[in-house]
Amino acid sequence: MFLQRILEAKRAEVEERKVALPLPELRRRLQNSPPPLNFEAALRSRPRALIAEVKRSSPSRGRIREDFDPVAIARAYEEGGAAAVSVLTEEKFFEGRDSFLRDIRRHVALPL
């Protein structure tokens, strides 16, 4: 099953990342970071809240758009009234990057 392949790959990646960046070191790095924006509060703040998604590719559909600019997409969602933004960072199956989160955070004030 395809979802099982994604899950197995992600489990292996998480284990590799734990070795590369152990939890105590991650916590140390986060000490001076601002607190995350409240995703749940953003959704509860309105009767119908939309979580918009920034996704480069889909395993079933392939590349969604060739002119992919995650910051521009997230800004358009913010301007369009989204309550929060989901950002796909999974590399192998969705062509995501961790840098998408950092880049979007610099330009968008919504919870990610």
PDB file of N, CA and C in Angstrom:
ATOM      1  N   MET A   1       0.839  -1.173   0.000  1.00  0.00           N
ATOM      2  CA  MET A   1       0.000   0.000   0.000  1.00  0.00           C
ATOM      3  C   MET A   1       0.893   1.249   0.000  1.00  0.00           C
ATOM      4  N   PHE A   2       0.508   2.236  -0.791  1.00  0.00           N
ATOM      5  CA  PHE A   2       1.329   3.429  -0.965  1.00  0.00           C
ATOM      6  C   PHE A   2       1.487   4.224   0.324  1.00  0.00           C
ATOM      7  N   LEU A   3       0.420   4.373   1.080  1.00  0.00           N
ATOM      8  CA  LEU A   3       0.506   5.117   2.340  1.00  0.00           C
ATOM      9  C   LEU A   3       1.480   4.453   3.311  1.00  0.00           C
ATOM     10  N   GLN A   4       1.543   3.140   3.273  1.00  0.00           N
ATOM     11  CA  GLN A   4       2.488   2.416   4.128  1.00  0.00           C
ATOM     12  C   GLN A   4       3.927   2.758   3.738  1.00  0.00           C
ATOM     13  N   ARG A   5       4.197   2.887   2.441  1.00  0.00           N
ATOM     14  CA  ARG A   5       5.539   3.269   1.986  1.00  0.00           C
ATOM     15  C   ARG A   5       5.914   4.660   2.488  1.00  0.00           C
ATOM     16  N   ILE A   6       4.967   5.584   2.421  1.00  0.00           N
ATOM     17  CA  ILE A   6       5.221   6.941   2.918  1.00  0.00           C
ATOM     18  C   ILE A   6       5.515   6.896   4.415  1.00  0.00           C
ATOM     19  N   LEU A   7       4.704   6.157   5.156  1.00  0.00           N
ATOM     20  CA  LEU A   7       4.875   6.051   6.606  1.00  0.00           C
ATOM     21  C   LEU A   7       6.234   5.451   6.964  1.00  0.00           C
ATOM     22  N   GLU A   8       6.622   4.383   6.297  1.00  0.00           N
ATOM     23  CA  GLU A   8       7.913   3.750   6.570  1.00  0.00           C
ATOM     24  C   GLU A   8       9.071   4.693   6.252  1.00  0.00           C
ATOM     25  N   ALA A   9       8.977   5.394   5.136  1.00  0.00           N
ATOM     26  CA  ALA A   9      10.033   6.343   4.767  1.00  0.00           C
ATOM     27  C   ALA A   9      10.124   7.467   5.790  1.00  0.00           C
ATOM     28  N   LYS A  10       8.983   7.959   6.249  1.00  0.00           N
ATOM     29  CA  LYS A  10       8.974   9.052   7.227  1.00  0.00           C
ATOM     30  C   LYS A  10       9.537   8.579   8.571  1.00  0.00           C
ATOM     31  N   ARG A  11       9.202   7.369   8.984  1.00  0.00           N
ATOM     32  CA  ARG A  11       9.758   6.839  10.239  1.00  0.00           C
ATOM     33  C   ARG A  11      11.282   6.772  10.170  1.00  0.00           C
ATOM     34  N   ALA A  12      11.800   6.293   9.049  1.00  0.00           N
ATOM     35  CA  ALA A  12      13.254   6.211   8.880  1.00  0.00           C
ATOM     36  C   ALA A  12      13.874   7.606   8.902  1.00  0.00           C
ATOM     37  N   GLU A  13      13.230   8.559   8.239  1.00  0.00           N
ATOM     38  CA  GLU A  13      13.740   9.932   8.222  1.00  0.00           C
ATOM     39  C   GLU A  13      13.745  10.540   9.626  1.00  0.00           C
ATOM     40  N   VAL A  14      12.687  10.312  10.388  1.00  0.00           N
ATOM     41  CA  VAL A  14      12.613  10.849  11.754  1.00  0.00           C
ATOM     42  C   VAL A  14      13.751  10.283  12.601  1.00  0.00           C
ATOM     43  N   GLU A  15      14.027   8.997  12.473  1.00  0.00           N
ATOM     44  CA  GLU A  15      15.126   8.397  13.233  1.00  0.00           C
ATOM     45  C   GLU A  15      16.463   9.023  12.845  1.00  0.00           C
ATOM     46  N   GLU A  16      16.674   9.258  11.551  1.00  0.00           N
ATOM     47  CA  GLU A  16      17.910   9.901  11.094  1.00  0.00           C
ATOM     48  C   GLU A  16      18.023  11.313  11.663  1.00  0.00           C
ATOM     49  N   ARG A  17      16.921  12.035  11.673  1.00  0.00           N
ATOM     50  CA  ARG A  17      16.933  13.412  12.182  1.00  0.00           C
ATOM     51  C   ARG A  17      17.174  13.448  13.692  1.00  0.00           C
ATOM     52  N   LYS A  18      16.675  12.443  14.403  1.00  0.00           N
ATOM     53  CA  LYS A  18      16.922  12.380  15.849  1.00  0.00           C
ATOM     54  C   LYS A  18      18.409  12.218  16.138  1.00  0.00           C
ATOM     55  N   VAL A  19      19.096  11.452  15.307  1.00  0.00           N
ATOM     56  CA  VAL A  19      20.535  11.266  15.481  1.00  0.00           C
ATOM     57  C   VAL A  19      21.269  12.557  15.113  1.00  0.00           C
ATOM     58  N   ALA A  20      20.868  13.172  14.011  1.00  0.00           N
ATOM     59  CA  ALA A  20      21.527  14.393  13.547  1.00  0.00           C
ATOM     60  C   ALA A  20      21.294  15.576  14.484  1.00  0.00           C
ATOM     61  N   LEU A  21      20.105  15.631  15.091  1.00  0.00           N
ATOM     62  CA  LEU A  21      19.763  16.738  15.995  1.00  0.00           C
ATOM     63  C   LEU A  21      19.005  16.169  17.191  1.00  0.00           C
ATOM     64  N   PRO A  22      19.734  15.736  18.220  1.00  0.00           N
ATOM     65  CA  PRO A  22      19.083  15.153  19.403  1.00  0.00           C
ATOM     66  C   PRO A  22      18.141  16.161  20.072  1.00  0.00           C
ATOM     67  N   LEU A  23      17.140  15.635  20.758  1.00  0.00           N
ATOM     68  CA  LEU A  23      16.114  16.463  21.387  1.00  0.00           C
ATOM     69  C   LEU A  23      16.687  17.539  22.315  1.00  0.00           C
ATOM     70  N   PRO A  24      17.667  17.237  23.171  1.00  0.00           N
ATOM     71  CA  PRO A  24      18.208  18.308  24.025  1.00  0.00           C
ATOM     72  C   PRO A  24      18.782  19.483  23.218  1.00  0.00           C
ATOM     73  N   GLU A  25      19.445  19.175  22.115  1.00  0.00           N
ATOM     74  CA  GLU A  25      20.000  20.236  21.269  1.00  0.00           C
ATOM     75  C   GLU A  25      18.884  21.021  20.585  1.00  0.00           C
ATOM     76  N   LEU A  26      17.866  20.335  20.124  1.00  0.00           N
ATOM     77  CA  LEU A  26      16.719  21.016  19.510  1.00  0.00           C
ATOM     78  C   LEU A  26      16.070  21.965  20.513  1.00  0.00           C
ATOM     79  N   ARG A  27      15.869  21.495  21.730  1.00  0.00           N
ATOM     80  CA  ARG A  27      15.279  22.347  22.775  1.00  0.00           C
ATOM     81  C   ARG A  27      16.157  23.569  23.052  1.00  0.00           C
ATOM     82  N   ARG A  28      17.462  23.361  23.091  1.00  0.00           N
ATOM     83  CA  ARG A  28      18.381  24.477  23.326  1.00  0.00           C
ATOM     84  C   ARG A  28      18.242  25.522  22.223  1.00  0.00           C
ATOM     85  N   ARG A  29      18.172  25.069  20.986  1.00  0.00           N
ATOM     86  CA  ARG A  29      18.046  25.989  19.852  1.00  0.00           C
ATOM     87  C   ARG A  29      16.731  26.764  19.885  1.00  0.00           C
ATOM     88  N   LEU A  30      15.706  26.143  20.417  1.00  0.00           N
ATOM     89  CA  LEU A  30      14.382  26.783  20.429  1.00  0.00           C
ATOM     90  C   LEU A  30      14.177  27.740  21.600  1.00  0.00           C
ATOM     91  N   GLN A  31      15.074  27.751  22.558  1.00  0.00           N
ATOM     92  CA  GLN A  31      14.911  28.581  23.755  1.00  0.00           C
ATOM     93  C   GLN A  31      14.703  30.054  23.440  1.00  0.00           C
ATOM     94  N   ASN A  32      15.381  30.576  22.456  1.00  0.00           N
ATOM     95  CA  ASN A  32      15.284  31.994  22.133  1.00  0.00           C
ATOM     96  C   ASN A  32      14.319  32.287  20.987  1.00  0.00           C
ATOM     97  N   SER A  33      13.595  31.280  20.567  1.00  0.00           N
ATOM     98  CA  SER A  33      12.626  31.474  19.484  1.00  0.00           C
ATOM     99  C   SER A  33      11.324  32.036  20.038  1.00  0.00           C
ATOM    100  N   PRO A  34      10.630  32.818  19.234  1.00  0.00           N
ATOM    101  CA  PRO A  34       9.315  33.283  19.692  1.00  0.00           C
ATOM    102  C   PRO A  34       8.357  32.096  19.789  1.00  0.00           C
ATOM    103  N   PRO A  35       7.356  32.175  20.640  1.00  0.00           N
ATOM    104  CA  PRO A  35       6.408  31.062  20.742  1.00  0.00           C
ATOM    105  C   PRO A  35       5.627  30.907  19.439  1.00  0.00           C
ATOM    106  N   PRO A  36       5.214  29.695  19.125  1.00  0.00           N
ATOM    107  CA  PRO A  36       4.437  29.499  17.895  1.00  0.00           C
ATOM    108  C   PRO A  36       3.078  30.183  18.011  1.00  0.00           C
ATOM    109  N   LEU A  37       2.544  30.575  16.871  1.00  0.00           N
ATOM    110  CA  LEU A  37       1.205  31.157  16.850  1.00  0.00           C
ATOM    111  C   LEU A  37       0.191  30.058  17.145  1.00  0.00           C
ATOM    112  N   ASN A  38      -0.898  30.410  17.773  1.00  0.00           N
ATOM    113  CA  ASN A  38      -1.885  29.438  18.229  1.00  0.00           C
ATOM    114  C   ASN A  38      -2.797  28.998  17.082  1.00  0.00           C
ATOM    115  N   PHE A  39      -2.511  27.824  16.550  1.00  0.00           N
ATOM    116  CA  PHE A  39      -3.247  27.264  15.419  1.00  0.00           C
ATOM    117  C   PHE A  39      -4.713  27.043  15.797  1.00  0.00           C
ATOM    118  N   GLU A  40      -4.927  26.416  16.940  1.00  0.00           N
ATOM    119  CA  GLU A  40      -6.293  26.114  17.380  1.00  0.00           C
ATOM    120  C   GLU A  40      -7.104  27.389  17.591  1.00  0.00           C
ATOM    121  N   ALA A  41      -6.520  28.379  18.226  1.00  0.00           N
ATOM    122  CA  ALA A  41      -7.238  29.637  18.467  1.00  0.00           C
ATOM    123  C   ALA A  41      -7.606  30.311  17.153  1.00  0.00           C
ATOM    124  N   ALA A  42      -6.722  30.224  16.170  1.00  0.00           N
ATOM    125  CA  ALA A  42      -7.019  30.816  14.864  1.00  0.00           C
ATOM    126  C   ALA A  42      -8.231  30.140  14.228  1.00  0.00           C
ATOM    127  N   LEU A  43      -8.346  28.836  14.402  1.00  0.00           N
ATOM    128  CA  LEU A  43      -9.481  28.109  13.821  1.00  0.00           C
ATOM    129  C   LEU A  43     -10.772  28.392  14.574  1.00  0.00           C
ATOM    130  N   ARG A  44     -10.682  28.546  15.866  1.00  0.00           N
ATOM    131  CA  ARG A  44     -11.877  28.788  16.682  1.00  0.00           C
ATOM    132  C   ARG A  44     -12.330  30.251  16.645  1.00  0.00           C
ATOM    133  N   SER A  45     -11.531  31.111  16.075  1.00  0.00           N
ATOM    134  CA  SER A  45     -11.828  32.545  16.103  1.00  0.00           C
ATOM    135  C   SER A  45     -12.911  32.965  15.116  1.00  0.00           C
ATOM    136  N   ARG A  46     -13.339  32.055  14.286  1.00  0.00           N
ATOM    137  CA  ARG A  46     -14.366  32.388  13.298  1.00  0.00           C
ATOM    138  C   ARG A  46     -15.275  31.189  13.068  1.00  0.00           C
ATOM    139  N   PRO A  47     -16.483  31.434  12.601  1.00  0.00           N
ATOM    140  CA  PRO A  47     -17.436  30.328  12.419  1.00  0.00           C
ATOM    141  C   PRO A  47     -16.970  29.300  11.382  1.00  0.00           C
ATOM    142  N   ARG A  48     -16.364  29.778  10.319  1.00  0.00           N
ATOM    143  CA  ARG A  48     -15.856  28.880   9.271  1.00  0.00           C
ATOM    144  C   ARG A  48     -14.411  29.264   8.984  1.00  0.00           C
ATOM    145  N   ALA A  49     -13.509  28.481   9.498  1.00  0.00           N
ATOM    146  CA  ALA A  49     -12.086  28.785   9.337  1.00  0.00           C
ATOM    147  C   ALA A  49     -11.478  27.844   8.303  1.00  0.00           C
ATOM    148  N   LEU A  50     -10.667  28.404   7.439  1.00  0.00           N
ATOM    149  CA  LEU A  50     -10.036  27.644   6.373  1.00  0.00           C
ATOM    150  C   LEU A  50      -8.553  27.451   6.680  1.00  0.00           C
ATOM    151  N   ILE A  51      -8.099  26.203   6.575  1.00  0.00           N
ATOM    152  CA  ILE A  51      -6.668  25.904   6.618  1.00  0.00           C
ATOM    153  C   ILE A  51      -6.240  25.732   5.169  1.00  0.00           C
ATOM    154  N   ALA A  52      -5.452  26.663   4.668  1.00  0.00           N
ATOM    155  CA  ALA A  52      -4.982  26.592   3.286  1.00  0.00           C
ATOM    156  C   ALA A  52      -3.685  25.779   3.248  1.00  0.00           C
ATOM    157  N   GLU A  53      -3.420  25.141   2.119  1.00  0.00           N
ATOM    158  CA  GLU A  53      -2.275  24.230   2.030  1.00  0.00           C
ATOM    159  C   GLU A  53      -1.283  24.674   0.965  1.00  0.00           C
ATOM    160  N   VAL A  54      -0.015  24.728   1.355  1.00  0.00           N
ATOM    161  CA  VAL A  54       1.075  25.002   0.423  1.00  0.00           C
ATOM    162  C   VAL A  54       1.733  23.660   0.119  1.00  0.00           C
ATOM    163  N   LYS A  55       1.572  23.207  -1.123  1.00  0.00           N
ATOM    164  CA  LYS A  55       2.067  21.873  -1.498  1.00  0.00           C
ATOM    165  C   LYS A  55       2.613  21.929  -2.918  1.00  0.00           C
ATOM    166  N   ARG A  56       3.867  21.540  -3.090  1.00  0.00           N
ATOM    167  CA  ARG A  56       4.497  21.562  -4.412  1.00  0.00           C
ATOM    168  C   ARG A  56       4.024  20.398  -5.278  1.00  0.00           C
ATOM    169  N   SER A  57       4.000  19.209  -4.699  1.00  0.00           N
ATOM    170  CA  SER A  57       3.669  18.004  -5.458  1.00  0.00           C
ATOM    171  C   SER A  57       2.810  17.075  -4.631  1.00  0.00           C
ATOM    172  N   SER A  58       2.183  16.151  -5.330  1.00  0.00           N
ATOM    173  CA  SER A  58       1.381  15.115  -4.695  1.00  0.00           C
ATOM    174  C   SER A  58       1.823  13.774  -5.268  1.00  0.00           C
ATOM    175  N   PRO A  59       1.939  12.739  -4.452  1.00  0.00           N
ATOM    176  CA  PRO A  59       2.335  11.435  -4.985  1.00  0.00           C
ATOM    177  C   PRO A  59       1.369  10.923  -6.052  1.00  0.00           C
ATOM    178  N   SER A  60       0.106  11.258  -5.931  1.00  0.00           N
ATOM    179  CA  SER A  60      -0.883  10.771  -6.892  1.00  0.00           C
ATOM    180  C   SER A  60      -1.003  11.659  -8.124  1.00  0.00           C
ATOM    181  N   ARG A  61      -0.664  12.943  -7.983  1.00  0.00           N
ATOM    182  CA  ARG A  61      -0.879  13.890  -9.079  1.00  0.00           C
ATOM    183  C   ARG A  61       0.416  14.420  -9.683  1.00  0.00           C
ATOM    184  N   GLY A  62       1.518  14.255  -8.983  1.00  0.00           N
ATOM    185  CA  GLY A  62       2.784  14.807  -9.456  1.00  0.00           C
ATOM    186  C   GLY A  62       2.887  16.288  -9.131  1.00  0.00           C
ATOM    187  N   ARG A  63       3.707  16.985  -9.903  1.00  0.00           N
ATOM    188  CA  ARG A  63       3.920  18.421  -9.690  1.00  0.00           C
ATOM    189  C   ARG A  63       2.611  19.166  -9.906  1.00  0.00           C
ATOM    190  N   ILE A  64       2.210  19.941  -8.912  1.00  0.00           N
ATOM    191  CA  ILE A  64       0.932  20.644  -8.957  1.00  0.00           C
ATOM    192  C   ILE A  64       1.036  21.923  -9.776  1.00  0.00           C
ATOM    193  N   ARG A  65       2.124  22.653  -9.583  1.00  0.00           N
ATOM    194  CA  ARG A  65       2.326  23.850 -10.401  1.00  0.00           C
ATOM    195  C   ARG A  65       3.818  24.075 -10.593  1.00  0.00           C
ATOM    196  N   GLU A  66       4.184  24.421 -11.807  1.00  0.00           N
ATOM    197  CA  GLU A  66       5.595  24.609 -12.143  1.00  0.00           C
ATOM    198  C   GLU A  66       6.144  25.913 -11.577  1.00  0.00           C
ATOM    199  N   ASP A  67       5.315  26.939 -11.485  1.00  0.00           N
ATOM    200  CA  ASP A  67       5.770  28.240 -10.986  1.00  0.00           C
ATOM    201  C   ASP A  67       5.584  28.338  -9.470  1.00  0.00           C
ATOM    202  N   PHE A  68       5.967  27.311  -8.767  1.00  0.00           N
ATOM    203  CA  PHE A  68       5.752  27.201  -7.326  1.00  0.00           C
ATOM    204  C   PHE A  68       6.592  28.215  -6.557  1.00  0.00           C
ATOM    205  N   ASP A  69       5.930  29.081  -5.817  1.00  0.00           N
ATOM    206  CA  ASP A  69       6.575  30.057  -4.938  1.00  0.00           C
ATOM    207  C   ASP A  69       5.840  29.982  -3.607  1.00  0.00           C
ATOM    208  N   PRO A  70       6.371  29.234  -2.639  1.00  0.00           N
ATOM    209  CA  PRO A  70       5.627  29.003  -1.401  1.00  0.00           C
ATOM    210  C   PRO A  70       5.258  30.284  -0.658  1.00  0.00           C
ATOM    211  N   VAL A  71       6.125  31.278  -0.672  1.00  0.00           N
ATOM    212  CA  VAL A  71       5.828  32.532   0.026  1.00  0.00           C
ATOM    213  C   VAL A  71       4.676  33.256  -0.655  1.00  0.00           C
ATOM    214  N   ALA A  72       4.720  33.373  -1.967  1.00  0.00           N
ATOM    215  CA  ALA A  72       3.645  34.055  -2.697  1.00  0.00           C
ATOM    216  C   ALA A  72       2.314  33.338  -2.500  1.00  0.00           C
ATOM    217  N   ILE A  73       2.346  32.021  -2.501  1.00  0.00           N
ATOM    218  CA  ILE A  73       1.116  31.245  -2.307  1.00  0.00           C
ATOM    219  C   ILE A  73       0.557  31.493  -0.909  1.00  0.00           C
ATOM    220  N   ALA A  74       1.408  31.416   0.104  1.00  0.00           N
ATOM    221  CA  ALA A  74       0.951  31.626   1.483  1.00  0.00           C
ATOM    222  C   ALA A  74       0.441  33.050   1.689  1.00  0.00           C
ATOM    223  N   ARG A  75       1.094  34.025   1.081  1.00  0.00           N
ATOM    224  CA  ARG A  75       0.624  35.411   1.198  1.00  0.00           C
ATOM    225  C   ARG A  75      -0.750  35.572   0.551  1.00  0.00           C
ATOM    226  N   ALA A  76      -0.947  34.926  -0.578  1.00  0.00           N
ATOM    227  CA  ALA A  76      -2.258  34.990  -1.238  1.00  0.00           C
ATOM    228  C   ALA A  76      -3.330  34.359  -0.354  1.00  0.00           C
ATOM    229  N   TYR A  77      -3.004  33.263   0.298  1.00  0.00           N
ATOM    230  CA  TYR A  77      -3.958  32.634   1.219  1.00  0.00           C
ATOM    231  C   TYR A  77      -4.286  33.573   2.375  1.00  0.00           C
ATOM    232  N   GLU A  78      -3.258  34.222   2.919  1.00  0.00           N
ATOM    233  CA  GLU A  78      -3.470  35.159   4.022  1.00  0.00           C
ATOM    234  C   GLU A  78      -4.372  36.311   3.572  1.00  0.00           C
ATOM    235  N   GLU A  79      -4.073  36.872   2.413  1.00  0.00           N
ATOM    236  CA  GLU A  79      -4.883  37.973   1.885  1.00  0.00           C
ATOM    237  C   GLU A  79      -6.306  37.523   1.573  1.00  0.00           C
ATOM    238  N   GLY A  80      -6.460  36.246   1.235  1.00  0.00           N
ATOM    239  CA  GLY A  80      -7.774  35.701   0.917  1.00  0.00           C
ATOM    240  C   GLY A  80      -8.600  35.313   2.128  1.00  0.00           C
ATOM    241  N   GLY A  81      -8.023  35.423   3.324  1.00  0.00           N
ATOM    242  CA  GLY A  81      -8.789  35.174   4.532  1.00  0.00           C
ATOM    243  C   GLY A  81      -8.581  33.837   5.209  1.00  0.00           C
ATOM    244  N   ALA A  82      -7.564  33.089   4.818  1.00  0.00           N
ATOM    245  CA  ALA A  82      -7.288  31.817   5.495  1.00  0.00           C
ATOM    246  C   ALA A  82      -6.995  32.073   6.969  1.00  0.00           C
ATOM    247  N   ALA A  83      -7.382  31.123   7.819  1.00  0.00           N
ATOM    248  CA  ALA A  83      -7.119  31.233   9.257  1.00  0.00           C
ATOM    249  C   ALA A  83      -5.734  30.700   9.614  1.00  0.00           C
ATOM    250  N   ALA A  84      -5.240  29.757   8.836  1.00  0.00           N
ATOM    251  CA  ALA A  84      -3.948  29.124   9.092  1.00  0.00           C
ATOM    252  C   ALA A  84      -3.451  28.514   7.783  1.00  0.00           C
ATOM    253  N   VAL A  85      -2.179  28.143   7.768  1.00  0.00           N
ATOM    254  CA  VAL A  85      -1.590  27.570   6.560  1.00  0.00           C
ATOM    255  C   VAL A  85      -0.873  26.271   6.915  1.00  0.00           C
ATOM    256  N   SER A  86      -1.184  25.224   6.173  1.00  0.00           N
ATOM    257  CA  SER A  86      -0.477  23.954   6.265  1.00  0.00           C
ATOM    258  C   SER A  86       0.620  23.973   5.202  1.00  0.00           C
ATOM    259  N   VAL A  87       1.849  23.657   5.600  1.00  0.00           N
ATOM    260  CA  VAL A  87       2.979  23.704   4.677  1.00  0.00           C
ATOM    261  C   VAL A  87       3.588  22.312   4.581  1.00  0.00           C
ATOM    262  N   LEU A  88       3.533  21.711   3.403  1.00  0.00           N
ATOM    263  CA  LEU A  88       4.111  20.383   3.211  1.00  0.00           C
ATOM    264  C   LEU A  88       5.619  20.502   3.096  1.00  0.00           C
ATOM    265  N   THR A  89       6.338  19.855   4.012  1.00  0.00           N
ATOM    266  CA  THR A  89       7.801  19.891   4.006  1.00  0.00           C
ATOM    267  C   THR A  89       8.404  18.527   3.681  1.00  0.00           C
ATOM    268  N   GLU A  90       7.584  17.527   3.487  1.00  0.00           N
ATOM    269  CA  GLU A  90       8.070  16.172   3.209  1.00  0.00           C
ATOM    270  C   GLU A  90       8.737  16.168   1.831  1.00  0.00           C
ATOM    271  N   GLU A  91       9.993  15.728   1.775  1.00  0.00           N
ATOM    272  CA  GLU A  91      10.785  15.851   0.553  1.00  0.00           C
ATOM    273  C   GLU A  91      10.554  14.748  -0.474  1.00  0.00           C
ATOM    274  N   LYS A  92      10.566  13.508  -0.051  1.00  0.00           N
ATOM    275  CA  LYS A  92      10.589  12.383  -0.988  1.00  0.00           C
ATOM    276  C   LYS A  92       9.315  12.267  -1.822  1.00  0.00           C
ATOM    277  N   PHE A  93       8.170  12.440  -1.217  1.00  0.00           N
ATOM    278  CA  PHE A  93       6.907  12.210  -1.914  1.00  0.00           C
ATOM    279  C   PHE A  93       6.177  13.496  -2.309  1.00  0.00           C
ATOM    280  N   PHE A  94       6.477  14.614  -1.613  1.00  0.00           N
ATOM    281  CA  PHE A  94       5.746  15.862  -1.859  1.00  0.00           C
ATOM    282  C   PHE A  94       6.646  17.006  -2.319  1.00  0.00           C
ATOM    283  N   GLU A  95       7.943  16.727  -2.490  1.00  0.00           N
ATOM    284  CA  GLU A  95       8.920  17.731  -2.924  1.00  0.00           C
ATOM    285  C   GLU A  95       8.940  18.959  -2.020  1.00  0.00           C
ATOM    286  N   GLY A  96       8.675  18.752  -0.740  1.00  0.00           N
ATOM    287  CA  GLY A  96       8.701  19.854   0.209  1.00  0.00           C
ATOM    288  C   GLY A  96      10.111  20.119   0.711  1.00  0.00           C
ATOM    289  N   ARG A  97      10.248  21.188   1.446  1.00  0.00           N
ATOM    290  CA  ARG A  97      11.526  21.567   2.052  1.00  0.00           C
ATOM    291  C   ARG A  97      11.244  22.212   3.406  1.00  0.00           C
ATOM    292  N   ASP A  98      12.102  21.977   4.386  1.00  0.00           N
ATOM    293  CA  ASP A  98      11.974  22.654   5.676  1.00  0.00           C
ATOM    294  C   ASP A  98      12.058  24.164   5.495  1.00  0.00           C
ATOM    295  N   SER A  99      12.837  24.582   4.518  1.00  0.00           N
ATOM    296  CA  SER A  99      13.020  26.020   4.284  1.00  0.00           C
ATOM    297  C   SER A  99      11.708  26.718   3.923  1.00  0.00           C
ATOM    298  N   PHE A 100      10.730  25.982   3.409  1.00  0.00           N
ATOM    299  CA  PHE A 100       9.429  26.599   3.105  1.00  0.00           C
ATOM    300  C   PHE A 100       8.843  27.235   4.365  1.00  0.00           C
ATOM    301  N   LEU A 101       8.936  26.530   5.485  1.00  0.00           N
ATOM    302  CA  LEU A 101       8.399  27.058   6.744  1.00  0.00           C
ATOM    303  C   LEU A 101       9.114  28.339   7.156  1.00  0.00           C
ATOM    304  N   ARG A 102      10.438  28.310   7.109  1.00  0.00           N
ATOM    305  CA  ARG A 102      11.207  29.499   7.502  1.00  0.00           C
ATOM    306  C   ARG A 102      10.887  30.683   6.599  1.00  0.00           C
ATOM    307  N   ASP A 103      10.844  30.439   5.312  1.00  0.00           N
ATOM    308  CA  ASP A 103      10.589  31.523   4.361  1.00  0.00           C
ATOM    309  C   ASP A 103       9.183  32.093   4.529  1.00  0.00           C
ATOM    310  N   ILE A 104       8.204  31.221   4.661  1.00  0.00           N
ATOM    311  CA  ILE A 104       6.823  31.680   4.822  1.00  0.00           C
ATOM    312  C   ILE A 104       6.669  32.437   6.134  1.00  0.00           C
ATOM    313  N   ARG A 105       7.274  31.944   7.206  1.00  0.00           N
ATOM    314  CA  ARG A 105       7.156  32.603   8.512  1.00  0.00           C
ATOM    315  C   ARG A 105       7.629  34.054   8.446  1.00  0.00           C
ATOM    316  N   ARG A 106       8.638  34.333   7.635  1.00  0.00           N
ATOM    317  CA  ARG A 106       9.163  35.702   7.534  1.00  0.00           C
ATOM    318  C   ARG A 106       8.159  36.671   6.908  1.00  0.00           C
ATOM    319  N   HIS A 107       7.194  36.148   6.158  1.00  0.00           N
ATOM    320  CA  HIS A 107       6.307  37.016   5.373  1.00  0.00           C
ATOM    321  C   HIS A 107       4.822  36.886   5.693  1.00  0.00           C
ATOM    322  N   VAL A 108       4.456  35.875   6.462  1.00  0.00           N
ATOM    323  CA  VAL A 108       3.037  35.607   6.726  1.00  0.00           C
ATOM    324  C   VAL A 108       2.813  35.553   8.233  1.00  0.00           C
ATOM    325  N   ALA A 109       1.752  36.191   8.692  1.00  0.00           N
ATOM    326  CA  ALA A 109       1.479  36.285  10.134  1.00  0.00           C
ATOM    327  C   ALA A 109       0.480  35.247  10.633  1.00  0.00           C
ATOM    328  N   LEU A 110       0.139  34.279   9.813  1.00  0.00           N
ATOM    329  CA  LEU A 110      -0.811  33.239  10.213  1.00  0.00           C
ATOM    330  C   LEU A 110      -0.091  32.084  10.900  1.00  0.00           C
ATOM    331  N   PRO A 111      -0.814  31.307  11.715  1.00  0.00           N
ATOM    332  CA  PRO A 111      -0.224  30.076  12.257  1.00  0.00           C
ATOM    333  C   PRO A 111       0.109  29.113  11.120  1.00  0.00           C
ATOM    334  N   LEU A 112       1.243  28.449  11.257  1.00  0.00           N
ATOM    335  CA  LEU A 112       1.670  27.467  10.253  1.00  0.00           C
ATOM    336  C   LEU A 112       1.649  26.088  10.873  1.00  0.00           C
TER     337      LEU A 112
END
